[in-house]
Amino acid sequence: MRRSGGQLIGLALTIALLAGCGSGPSAECQAPPSGAAETIACDVGVSLARDELAPDHPDVSRIQFLYGTFRPVSVRPGWQTAYVVFTYADASRQAIQLRQFNGQLSAEGPRPY
């Protein structure tokens, strides 16, 4: 099967785009709080936070996963909280708040950081 030059360019662009979707910096993960019975896993939290980003966000230059909250939020007893900070190539930053209760993880954001 022969492909035209346009098809090959389209295929190459599709492969490059798909390869770029998972690329970027590795997350810097804070150690879980000592004595915590349950915590939000860094890789799971970062994956959920990435899904909250706008499709046209600038290139990400740094990802930080931290436990706690980055702004005042209502936290009920038994909830675990963490947040992910995305630093972009243009030096702007956004954070996504994560909350987990009874194994259910949710994300809120992004918000300026």
Protein backbone atom coordinates (compact mmCIF):
# COMPACT_ATOMS: atom_id res chain seq x y z
CA MET A 1 0.00 0.00 0.00
CA ARG A 2 1.48 3.32 -1.09
CA ARG A 3 0.88 6.52 0.83
CA SER A 4 0.98 9.99 -0.64
CA GLY A 5 3.31 12.64 0.77
CA GLY A 6 0.34 14.37 2.44
CA GLN A 7 -0.71 11.14 4.12
CA LEU A 8 2.82 10.55 5.42
CA ILE A 9 3.03 14.09 6.80
CA GLY A 10 -0.37 13.68 8.46
CA LEU A 11 0.68 10.35 9.95
CA ALA A 12 3.96 11.83 11.23
CA LEU A 13 2.12 14.77 12.81
CA THR A 14 -0.38 12.44 14.48
CA ILE A 15 2.42 10.28 15.92
CA ALA A 16 4.28 13.37 17.16
CA LEU A 17 1.13 14.74 18.77
CA LEU A 18 0.34 11.46 20.51
CA ALA A 19 3.92 11.11 21.72
CA GLY A 20 3.85 14.67 23.07
CA CYS A 21 0.67 14.13 25.09
CA GLY A 22 2.47 12.06 27.71
CA SER A 23 5.73 13.91 27.57
CA GLY A 24 6.94 16.68 29.78
CA PRO A 25 8.69 16.87 33.10
CA SER A 26 8.37 14.19 35.73
CA ALA A 27 6.38 15.18 38.80
CA GLU A 28 8.19 16.19 41.95
CA CYS A 29 6.31 14.25 44.64
CA GLN A 30 6.22 15.27 48.29
CA ALA A 31 6.52 12.37 50.75
CA PRO A 32 3.20 11.40 52.34
CA PRO A 33 2.54 12.82 55.81
CA SER A 34 3.78 10.53 58.56
CA GLY A 35 1.08 8.57 60.31
CA ALA A 36 -1.51 9.11 57.59
CA ALA A 37 -3.76 6.06 57.29
CA GLU A 38 -4.67 6.89 53.68
CA THR A 39 -3.08 9.32 51.25
CA ILE A 40 -3.53 10.43 47.68
CA ALA A 41 -0.97 8.75 45.44
CA CYS A 42 1.24 11.19 43.54
CA ASP A 43 0.89 9.53 40.14
CA VAL A 44 -2.89 9.23 40.46
CA GLY A 45 -3.24 12.85 41.63
CA VAL A 46 -1.03 14.23 38.86
CA SER A 47 -2.92 12.23 36.23
CA LEU A 48 -6.28 13.56 37.45
CA ALA A 49 -4.90 17.10 37.64
CA ARG A 50 -3.57 16.91 34.06
CA ASP A 51 -7.09 16.04 32.91
CA GLU A 52 -8.31 19.35 34.39
CA LEU A 53 -5.94 21.49 32.31
CA ALA A 54 -7.22 23.36 29.28
CA PRO A 55 -6.26 21.64 26.03
CA ASP A 56 -4.42 24.75 24.84
CA HIS A 57 -2.34 25.34 27.99
CA PRO A 58 1.27 26.49 27.55
CA ASP A 59 4.05 23.88 27.68
CA VAL A 60 4.55 22.57 31.21
CA SER A 61 8.06 23.06 32.57
CA ARG A 62 7.54 21.80 36.15
CA ILE A 63 4.99 19.69 38.06
CA GLN A 64 4.84 19.63 41.85
CA PHE A 65 2.60 17.34 43.91
CA LEU A 66 2.12 18.52 47.49
CA TYR A 67 -0.06 17.41 50.39
CA GLY A 68 -2.45 19.85 52.04
CA THR A 69 -4.22 22.79 50.46
CA PHE A 70 -2.94 25.80 48.56
CA ARG A 71 -5.86 28.02 49.49
CA PRO A 72 -8.57 28.00 52.14
CA VAL A 73 -10.95 25.14 51.45
CA SER A 74 -13.50 23.35 53.55
CA VAL A 75 -12.00 20.03 54.65
CA ARG A 76 -14.10 17.60 56.62
CA PRO A 77 -12.68 15.05 59.05
CA GLY A 78 -11.46 11.98 57.21
CA TRP A 79 -10.69 13.84 53.99
CA GLN A 80 -7.22 13.75 52.47
CA THR A 81 -6.07 16.74 50.48
CA ALA A 82 -3.25 17.44 48.07
CA TYR A 83 -2.63 19.78 45.18
CA VAL A 84 -0.67 19.86 41.97
CA VAL A 85 1.16 22.98 40.78
CA PHE A 86 1.89 23.30 37.08
CA THR A 87 4.57 25.81 36.09
CA TYR A 88 4.46 26.71 32.43
CA ALA A 89 7.22 27.69 30.03
CA ASP A 90 5.97 31.30 30.17
CA ALA A 91 6.55 31.25 34.00
CA SER A 92 2.83 31.37 34.83
CA ARG A 93 1.55 28.83 37.35
CA GLN A 94 -1.73 27.11 38.07
CA ALA A 95 -2.74 24.74 40.86
CA ILE A 96 -5.40 22.08 41.06
CA GLN A 97 -6.80 21.11 44.45
CA LEU A 98 -7.40 17.41 45.10
CA ARG A 99 -9.67 15.90 47.75
CA GLN A 100 -10.20 12.28 48.62
CA PHE A 101 -12.89 10.83 50.87
CA ASN A 102 -13.72 7.14 51.20
CA GLY A 103 -11.52 6.36 48.21
CA GLN A 104 -13.27 8.86 45.93
CA LEU A 105 -10.81 11.38 44.47
CA SER A 106 -11.97 14.68 42.98
CA ALA A 107 -10.21 17.67 41.47
CA GLU A 108 -11.01 21.36 41.61
CA GLY A 109 -9.35 23.95 39.42
CA PRO A 110 -7.19 25.03 37.82
CA ARG A 111 -6.67 28.30 39.67
CA PRO A 112 -3.84 30.82 39.55
CA TYR A 113 -1.05 29.98 41.97
